[in-house]
Amino acid sequence: MIDLSELKPFASGSNRHCYQHPDDPALCLKVLRPENIEARYQRQAWPKKALGKARIDDNRQELRAYRQHAISKLLTEDRGSLVWAHLPRFHGAVQTSLGAANVSELITGSNGSPAETLEHYLQRQGFDLPAQNAVERFCDWLRQTGILTRNLLPHNLVIAERNGQPELFLVDGLGAPAIPDKLAAILAWRRRYISRRIKRFYLRIDWETGNRNESWETSQKL
């Protein structure tokens, strides 16, 4: 049992808090926010409620996402270095004083602190050439590996210096939970799916760095 009672999260999303592991600062612990999960569940229509709360458990979905076809295939082929080029290494689940937590590599910046999100970087620097190149390399990696993600959002990616250049790491939003495994294993389908995610990613970056005259929901439509 890992005691998190005296710690504050270094980052929080709608459904999870992120803590630095008290015994190993190189690791991140993602813990569910049960009050937000319950509120999200109660807002759903009754047909979705009938499916239970497991479908909105981000930790459970992440565990499944790391077992997706593309990642499993690459790891079986001993190509783990390619998998982890833009993903935090994943170490499974553990119990904490705040409930079950997913354990992954903590991506850090040059000062050793948790890496800056792409969202914050864009607010600070804009979509400058280093960021453009980092995004292009990340998207090429998606195409090369066939790894499936949800819609790519700048607050779910962090940017960190690696080998003398900034690189993107997807720290949340891995996987496509609504997609059956058999469909995800079809190469042509995966390519179309990833292409759409990339197009929406660039639209989101344009929206994040623009004047936001339209809502994101309007801007993202293809």
C-alpha atoms as a PDB file:
ATOM      1  CA  MET A   1       0.000   0.000   0.000  1.00  0.00           C
ATOM      2  CA  ILE A   2       1.465   3.355  -1.104  1.00  0.00           C
ATOM      3  CA  ASP A   3       0.527   6.233   1.199  1.00  0.00           C
ATOM      4  CA  LEU A   4      -0.452   9.370  -0.726  1.00  0.00           C
ATOM      5  CA  SER A   5      -2.231  11.113   2.144  1.00  0.00           C
ATOM      6  CA  GLU A   6       0.507  13.727   2.626  1.00  0.00           C
ATOM      7  CA  LEU A   7       1.080  14.412  -1.056  1.00  0.00           C
ATOM      8  CA  LYS A   8      -0.488  16.868  -3.475  1.00  0.00           C
ATOM      9  CA  PRO A   9      -1.029  15.935  -7.136  1.00  0.00           C
ATOM     10  CA  PHE A  10       1.298  17.632  -9.601  1.00  0.00           C
ATOM     11  CA  ALA A  11      -1.479  17.557 -12.207  1.00  0.00           C
ATOM     12  CA  SER A  12      -5.209  16.840 -12.285  1.00  0.00           C
ATOM     13  CA  GLY A  13      -7.677  16.053 -15.029  1.00  0.00           C
ATOM     14  CA  SER A  14     -11.425  15.698 -14.955  1.00  0.00           C
ATOM     15  CA  ASN A  15     -11.258  12.060 -13.883  1.00  0.00           C
ATOM     16  CA  ARG A  16      -7.791  11.493 -12.354  1.00  0.00           C
ATOM     17  CA  HIS A  17      -5.121  13.017 -10.127  1.00  0.00           C
ATOM     18  CA  CYS A  18      -1.438  12.490 -10.959  1.00  0.00           C
ATOM     19  CA  TYR A  19       1.083  12.023  -8.138  1.00  0.00           C
ATOM     20  CA  GLN A  20       4.825  11.584  -8.122  1.00  0.00           C
ATOM     21  CA  HIS A  21       5.604   8.192  -6.551  1.00  0.00           C
ATOM     22  CA  PRO A  22       6.826   8.875  -2.980  1.00  0.00           C
ATOM     23  CA  ASP A  23       9.425   6.088  -3.142  1.00  0.00           C
ATOM     24  CA  ASP A  24      10.485   6.463  -6.770  1.00  0.00           C
ATOM     25  CA  PRO A  25      10.303  10.003  -8.209  1.00  0.00           C
ATOM     26  CA  ALA A  26      10.802   8.596 -11.719  1.00  0.00           C
ATOM     27  CA  LEU A  27       7.270   7.171 -11.625  1.00  0.00           C
ATOM     28  CA  CYS A  28       3.805   8.710 -11.935  1.00  0.00           C
ATOM     29  CA  LEU A  29       0.731   7.406 -10.094  1.00  0.00           C
ATOM     30  CA  LYS A  30      -2.675   8.080 -11.685  1.00  0.00           C
ATOM     31  CA  VAL A  31      -5.552   7.851  -9.203  1.00  0.00           C
ATOM     32  CA  LEU A  32      -9.243   8.117 -10.050  1.00  0.00           C
ATOM     33  CA  ARG A  33     -11.353  10.976  -8.726  1.00  0.00           C
ATOM     34  CA  PRO A  34     -14.408   8.990  -7.610  1.00  0.00           C
ATOM     35  CA  GLU A  35     -16.578  12.056  -7.009  1.00  0.00           C
ATOM     36  CA  ASN A  36     -16.128  13.143 -10.632  1.00  0.00           C
ATOM     37  CA  ILE A  37     -16.677   9.611 -11.938  1.00  0.00           C
ATOM     38  CA  GLU A  38     -19.950   9.448 -10.012  1.00  0.00           C
ATOM     39  CA  ALA A  39     -21.081  12.862 -11.299  1.00  0.00           C
ATOM     40  CA  ARG A  40     -20.227  11.827 -14.866  1.00  0.00           C
ATOM     41  CA  TYR A  41     -22.145   8.583 -14.413  1.00  0.00           C
ATOM     42  CA  GLN A  42     -25.227  10.360 -13.073  1.00  0.00           C
ATOM     43  CA  ARG A  43     -25.303  12.724 -16.068  1.00  0.00           C
ATOM     44  CA  GLN A  44     -25.593   9.837 -18.512  1.00  0.00           C
ATOM     45  CA  ALA A  45     -28.809   8.615 -20.096  1.00  0.00           C
ATOM     46  CA  TRP A  46     -30.203   5.400 -18.621  1.00  0.00           C
ATOM     47  CA  PRO A  47     -29.107   3.118 -21.529  1.00  0.00           C
ATOM     48  CA  LYS A  48     -25.476   4.090 -20.856  1.00  0.00           C
ATOM     49  CA  LYS A  49     -25.957   3.783 -17.100  1.00  0.00           C
ATOM     50  CA  ALA A  50     -27.029   0.193 -17.683  1.00  0.00           C
ATOM     51  CA  LEU A  51     -23.523  -0.531 -18.987  1.00  0.00           C
ATOM     52  CA  GLY A  52     -22.074   0.253 -15.553  1.00  0.00           C
ATOM     53  CA  LYS A  53     -19.310   2.520 -14.290  1.00  0.00           C
ATOM     54  CA  ALA A  54     -16.436   0.390 -15.572  1.00  0.00           C
ATOM     55  CA  ARG A  55     -16.774   1.949 -19.031  1.00  0.00           C
ATOM     56  CA  ILE A  56     -15.913   5.397 -17.609  1.00  0.00           C
ATOM     57  CA  ASP A  57     -13.046   4.148 -15.450  1.00  0.00           C
ATOM     58  CA  ASP A  58     -10.034   5.810 -17.070  1.00  0.00           C
ATOM     59  CA  ASN A  59      -7.543   3.549 -15.303  1.00  0.00           C
ATOM     60  CA  ARG A  60      -9.271   0.415 -16.556  1.00  0.00           C
ATOM     61  CA  GLN A  61      -9.437   1.833 -20.077  1.00  0.00           C
ATOM     62  CA  GLU A  62      -5.759   2.783 -19.954  1.00  0.00           C
ATOM     63  CA  LEU A  63      -4.790  -0.739 -18.894  1.00  0.00           C
ATOM     64  CA  ARG A  64      -6.632  -2.044 -21.937  1.00  0.00           C
ATOM     65  CA  ALA A  65      -5.109   0.646 -24.171  1.00  0.00           C
ATOM     66  CA  TYR A  66      -1.568  -0.456 -23.330  1.00  0.00           C
ATOM     67  CA  ARG A  67      -2.546  -3.997 -24.367  1.00  0.00           C
ATOM     68  CA  GLN A  68      -3.865  -2.904 -27.780  1.00  0.00           C
ATOM     69  CA  HIS A  69      -2.879  -4.863 -30.881  1.00  0.00           C
ATOM     70  CA  ALA A  70      -0.232  -2.459 -32.205  1.00  0.00           C
ATOM     71  CA  ILE A  71       1.632  -2.169 -28.897  1.00  0.00           C
ATOM     72  CA  SER A  72       1.469  -5.885 -28.138  1.00  0.00           C
ATOM     73  CA  LYS A  73       2.795  -6.696 -31.608  1.00  0.00           C
ATOM     74  CA  LEU A  74       5.731  -4.294 -31.336  1.00  0.00           C
ATOM     75  CA  LEU A  75       6.681  -5.536 -27.867  1.00  0.00           C
ATOM     76  CA  THR A  76       6.487  -9.154 -29.058  1.00  0.00           C
ATOM     77  CA  GLU A  77       8.842  -8.208 -31.901  1.00  0.00           C
ATOM     78  CA  ASP A  78      11.265  -6.729 -29.339  1.00  0.00           C
ATOM     79  CA  ARG A  79      10.668  -3.199 -30.672  1.00  0.00           C
ATOM     80  CA  GLY A  80       9.896  -1.629 -27.332  1.00  0.00           C
ATOM     81  CA  SER A  81      12.193   1.320 -27.994  1.00  0.00           C
ATOM     82  CA  LEU A  82       9.814   2.378 -30.777  1.00  0.00           C
ATOM     83  CA  VAL A  83       6.766   2.050 -28.528  1.00  0.00           C
ATOM     84  CA  TRP A  84       8.322   4.181 -25.779  1.00  0.00           C
ATOM     85  CA  ALA A  85       9.649   6.834 -28.161  1.00  0.00           C
ATOM     86  CA  HIS A  86       6.475   8.869 -27.529  1.00  0.00           C
ATOM     87  CA  LEU A  87       4.726   7.003 -24.699  1.00  0.00           C
ATOM     88  CA  PRO A  88       5.608   6.772 -20.999  1.00  0.00           C
ATOM     89  CA  ARG A  89       6.705   3.268 -20.055  1.00  0.00           C
ATOM     90  CA  PHE A  90       3.841   1.520 -18.304  1.00  0.00           C
ATOM     91  CA  HIS A  91       4.215  -0.537 -15.125  1.00  0.00           C
ATOM     92  CA  GLY A  92       0.692  -1.770 -14.380  1.00  0.00           C
ATOM     93  CA  ALA A  93      -1.473  -1.009 -11.347  1.00  0.00           C
ATOM     94  CA  VAL A  94      -0.854  -0.756  -7.603  1.00  0.00           C
ATOM     95  CA  GLN A  95      -2.905  -0.015  -4.503  1.00  0.00           C
ATOM     96  CA  THR A  96      -2.587   3.339  -2.747  1.00  0.00           C
ATOM     97  CA  SER A  97      -4.266   4.999   0.210  1.00  0.00           C
ATOM     98  CA  LEU A  98      -6.500   6.776  -2.326  1.00  0.00           C
ATOM     99  CA  GLY A  99      -7.428   3.648  -4.268  1.00  0.00           C
ATOM    100  CA  ALA A 100      -5.996   1.818  -7.248  1.00  0.00           C
ATOM    101  CA  ALA A 101      -3.426   3.689  -9.306  1.00  0.00           C
ATOM    102  CA  ASN A 102      -1.874   3.138 -12.712  1.00  0.00           C
ATOM    103  CA  VAL A 103       1.919   3.401 -12.648  1.00  0.00           C
ATOM    104  CA  SER A 104       3.909   4.844 -15.534  1.00  0.00           C
ATOM    105  CA  GLU A 105       7.140   6.617 -16.258  1.00  0.00           C
ATOM    106  CA  LEU A 106       7.098  10.265 -15.205  1.00  0.00           C
ATOM    107  CA  ILE A 107       8.153  12.346 -18.192  1.00  0.00           C
ATOM    108  CA  THR A 108      10.277  15.222 -16.910  1.00  0.00           C
ATOM    109  CA  GLY A 109      11.815  18.363 -18.296  1.00  0.00           C
ATOM    110  CA  SER A 110      15.459  19.384 -18.178  1.00  0.00           C
ATOM    111  CA  ASN A 111      15.061  20.629 -14.587  1.00  0.00           C
ATOM    112  CA  GLY A 112      13.706  17.301 -13.367  1.00  0.00           C
ATOM    113  CA  SER A 113      10.155  18.590 -12.840  1.00  0.00           C
ATOM    114  CA  PRO A 114       7.141  17.087 -14.635  1.00  0.00           C
ATOM    115  CA  ALA A 115       7.312  18.077 -18.288  1.00  0.00           C
ATOM    116  CA  GLU A 116       5.287  20.989 -19.604  1.00  0.00           C
ATOM    117  CA  THR A 117       2.084  20.211 -21.455  1.00  0.00           C
ATOM    118  CA  LEU A 118       1.864  21.073 -25.131  1.00  0.00           C
ATOM    119  CA  GLU A 119      -1.120  23.273 -24.212  1.00  0.00           C
ATOM    120  CA  HIS A 120       1.055  25.425 -21.926  1.00  0.00           C
ATOM    121  CA  TYR A 121       3.881  25.476 -24.455  1.00  0.00           C
ATOM    122  CA  LEU A 122       1.541  26.764 -27.186  1.00  0.00           C
ATOM    123  CA  GLN A 123       0.267  29.483 -24.862  1.00  0.00           C
ATOM    124  CA  ARG A 124       3.831  30.528 -24.067  1.00  0.00           C
ATOM    125  CA  GLN A 125       5.647  30.072 -27.390  1.00  0.00           C
ATOM    126  CA  GLY A 126       2.952  29.606 -30.001  1.00  0.00           C
ATOM    127  CA  PHE A 127       3.216  26.912 -32.659  1.00  0.00           C
ATOM    128  CA  ASP A 128       6.848  27.696 -33.380  1.00  0.00           C
ATOM    129  CA  LEU A 129       9.206  25.660 -35.561  1.00  0.00           C
ATOM    130  CA  PRO A 130      10.495  23.373 -32.740  1.00  0.00           C
ATOM    131  CA  ALA A 131       6.897  22.523 -31.810  1.00  0.00           C
ATOM    132  CA  GLN A 132       5.930  22.005 -35.456  1.00  0.00           C
ATOM    133  CA  ASN A 133       8.803  19.567 -35.921  1.00  0.00           C
ATOM    134  CA  ALA A 134       7.957  17.747 -32.690  1.00  0.00           C
ATOM    135  CA  VAL A 135       4.316  17.383 -33.734  1.00  0.00           C
ATOM    136  CA  GLU A 136       5.361  16.109 -37.174  1.00  0.00           C
ATOM    137  CA  ARG A 137       7.650  13.470 -35.620  1.00  0.00           C
ATOM    138  CA  PHE A 138       4.903  12.405 -33.238  1.00  0.00           C
ATOM    139  CA  CYS A 139       2.364  12.047 -36.053  1.00  0.00           C
ATOM    140  CA  ASP A 140       4.877  10.083 -38.150  1.00  0.00           C
ATOM    141  CA  TRP A 141       5.306   7.771 -35.160  1.00  0.00           C
ATOM    142  CA  LEU A 142       1.549   7.198 -34.977  1.00  0.00           C
ATOM    143  CA  ARG A 143       1.465   6.288 -38.667  1.00  0.00           C
ATOM    144  CA  GLN A 144       4.502   4.025 -38.367  1.00  0.00           C
ATOM    145  CA  THR A 145       3.364   2.132 -35.272  1.00  0.00           C
ATOM    146  CA  GLY A 146      -0.398   2.043 -35.839  1.00  0.00           C
ATOM    147  CA  ILE A 147      -0.956   2.864 -32.155  1.00  0.00           C
ATOM    148  CA  LEU A 148      -4.523   4.033 -31.569  1.00  0.00           C
ATOM    149  CA  THR A 149      -5.438   7.075 -29.491  1.00  0.00           C
ATOM    150  CA  ARG A 150      -8.501   9.076 -28.681  1.00  0.00           C
ATOM    151  CA  ASN A 151      -8.721  12.603 -30.078  1.00  0.00           C
ATOM    152  CA  LEU A 152      -5.309  14.204 -29.541  1.00  0.00           C
ATOM    153  CA  LEU A 153      -5.592  17.163 -27.162  1.00  0.00           C
ATOM    154  CA  PRO A 154      -2.654  19.445 -26.269  1.00  0.00           C
ATOM    155  CA  HIS A 155      -3.271  19.096 -22.525  1.00  0.00           C
ATOM    156  CA  ASN A 156      -2.850  15.308 -22.866  1.00  0.00           C
ATOM    157  CA  LEU A 157       0.625  15.615 -24.385  1.00  0.00           C
ATOM    158  CA  VAL A 158       3.819  16.851 -22.754  1.00  0.00           C
ATOM    159  CA  ILE A 159       6.907  18.206 -24.451  1.00  0.00           C
ATOM    160  CA  ALA A 160      10.362  17.223 -23.229  1.00  0.00           C
ATOM    161  CA  GLU A 161      13.922  17.529 -24.514  1.00  0.00           C
ATOM    162  CA  ARG A 162      15.303  14.248 -25.815  1.00  0.00           C
ATOM    163  CA  ASN A 163      18.573  13.864 -27.753  1.00  0.00           C
ATOM    164  CA  GLY A 164      18.888  17.612 -28.168  1.00  0.00           C
ATOM    165  CA  GLN A 165      15.399  18.271 -29.514  1.00  0.00           C
ATOM    166  CA  PRO A 166      11.863  18.586 -28.103  1.00  0.00           C
ATOM    167  CA  GLU A 167       9.686  15.480 -28.350  1.00  0.00           C
ATOM    168  CA  LEU A 168       6.025  14.877 -27.574  1.00  0.00           C
ATOM    169  CA  PHE A 169       4.797  12.189 -25.199  1.00  0.00           C
ATOM    170  CA  LEU A 170       1.166  11.113 -24.937  1.00  0.00           C
ATOM    171  CA  VAL A 171       0.441  10.945 -21.191  1.00  0.00           C
ATOM    172  CA  ASP A 172      -3.344  10.565 -21.439  1.00  0.00           C
ATOM    173  CA  GLY A 173      -5.865   9.601 -24.113  1.00  0.00           C
ATOM    174  CA  LEU A 174      -4.241   6.371 -25.291  1.00  0.00           C
ATOM    175  CA  GLY A 175      -6.472   3.777 -26.926  1.00  0.00           C
ATOM    176  CA  ALA A 176      -9.811   3.697 -28.706  1.00  0.00           C
ATOM    177  CA  PRO A 177     -12.168   2.122 -26.134  1.00  0.00           C
ATOM    178  CA  ALA A 178     -15.202   2.011 -28.417  1.00  0.00           C
ATOM    179  CA  ILE A 179     -13.364   0.108 -31.168  1.00  0.00           C
ATOM    180  CA  PRO A 180     -13.524  -3.725 -31.210  1.00  0.00           C
ATOM    181  CA  ASP A 181     -10.113  -5.439 -31.102  1.00  0.00           C
ATOM    182  CA  LYS A 182     -10.732  -7.303 -34.363  1.00  0.00           C
ATOM    183  CA  LEU A 183     -11.423  -4.064 -36.210  1.00  0.00           C
ATOM    184  CA  ALA A 184      -8.363  -2.391 -34.661  1.00  0.00           C
ATOM    185  CA  ALA A 185      -6.174  -5.189 -36.042  1.00  0.00           C
ATOM    186  CA  ILE A 186      -7.055  -4.314 -39.668  1.00  0.00           C
ATOM    187  CA  LEU A 187      -4.203  -2.259 -41.140  1.00  0.00           C
ATOM    188  CA  ALA A 188      -6.261  -0.233 -43.636  1.00  0.00           C
ATOM    189  CA  TRP A 189      -8.823   0.682 -41.003  1.00  0.00           C
ATOM    190  CA  ARG A 190      -6.114   1.741 -38.527  1.00  0.00           C
ATOM    191  CA  ARG A 191      -4.525   4.001 -41.122  1.00  0.00           C
ATOM    192  CA  ARG A 192      -7.824   5.785 -41.807  1.00  0.00           C
ATOM    193  CA  TYR A 193      -8.549   6.103 -38.104  1.00  0.00           C
ATOM    194  CA  ILE A 194      -5.108   7.557 -37.319  1.00  0.00           C
ATOM    195  CA  SER A 195      -5.308   9.938 -40.271  1.00  0.00           C
ATOM    196  CA  ARG A 196      -8.522  11.398 -38.859  1.00  0.00           C
ATOM    197  CA  ARG A 197      -6.995  11.768 -35.400  1.00  0.00           C
ATOM    198  CA  ILE A 198      -4.024  13.633 -36.889  1.00  0.00           C
ATOM    199  CA  LYS A 199      -6.242  15.981 -38.908  1.00  0.00           C
ATOM    200  CA  ARG A 200      -8.235  16.823 -35.791  1.00  0.00           C
ATOM    201  CA  PHE A 201      -5.002  17.324 -33.861  1.00  0.00           C
ATOM    202  CA  TYR A 202      -3.849  20.033 -36.260  1.00  0.00           C
ATOM    203  CA  LEU A 203      -7.293  21.624 -36.153  1.00  0.00           C
ATOM    204  CA  ARG A 204      -7.073  21.684 -32.359  1.00  0.00           C
ATOM    205  CA  ILE A 205      -3.626  23.318 -32.469  1.00  0.00           C
ATOM    206  CA  ASP A 206      -4.968  25.959 -34.871  1.00  0.00           C
ATOM    207  CA  TRP A 207      -7.843  26.582 -32.472  1.00  0.00           C
ATOM    208  CA  GLU A 208      -5.577  26.727 -29.410  1.00  0.00           C
ATOM    209  CA  THR A 209      -3.285  29.285 -31.057  1.00  0.00           C
ATOM    210  CA  GLY A 210      -5.994  31.289 -32.850  1.00  0.00           C
ATOM    211  CA  ASN A 211      -8.519  33.868 -31.729  1.00  0.00           C
ATOM    212  CA  ARG A 212     -11.138  31.237 -30.857  1.00  0.00           C
ATOM    213  CA  ASN A 213     -14.022  33.062 -32.543  1.00  0.00           C
ATOM    214  CA  GLU A 214     -15.712  29.673 -32.817  1.00  0.00           C
ATOM    215  CA  SER A 215     -16.164  27.023 -30.161  1.00  0.00           C
ATOM    216  CA  TRP A 216     -13.910  23.973 -30.397  1.00  0.00           C
ATOM    217  CA  GLU A 217     -16.944  21.807 -31.169  1.00  0.00           C
ATOM    218  CA  THR A 218     -17.558  23.882 -34.332  1.00  0.00           C
ATOM    219  CA  SER A 219     -13.895  24.149 -35.305  1.00  0.00           C
ATOM    220  CA  GLN A 220     -13.166  20.429 -35.103  1.00  0.00           C
ATOM    221  CA  LYS A 221     -15.726  19.393 -37.705  1.00  0.00           C
ATOM    222  CA  LEU A 222     -14.164  17.963 -40.851  1.00  0.00           C
END
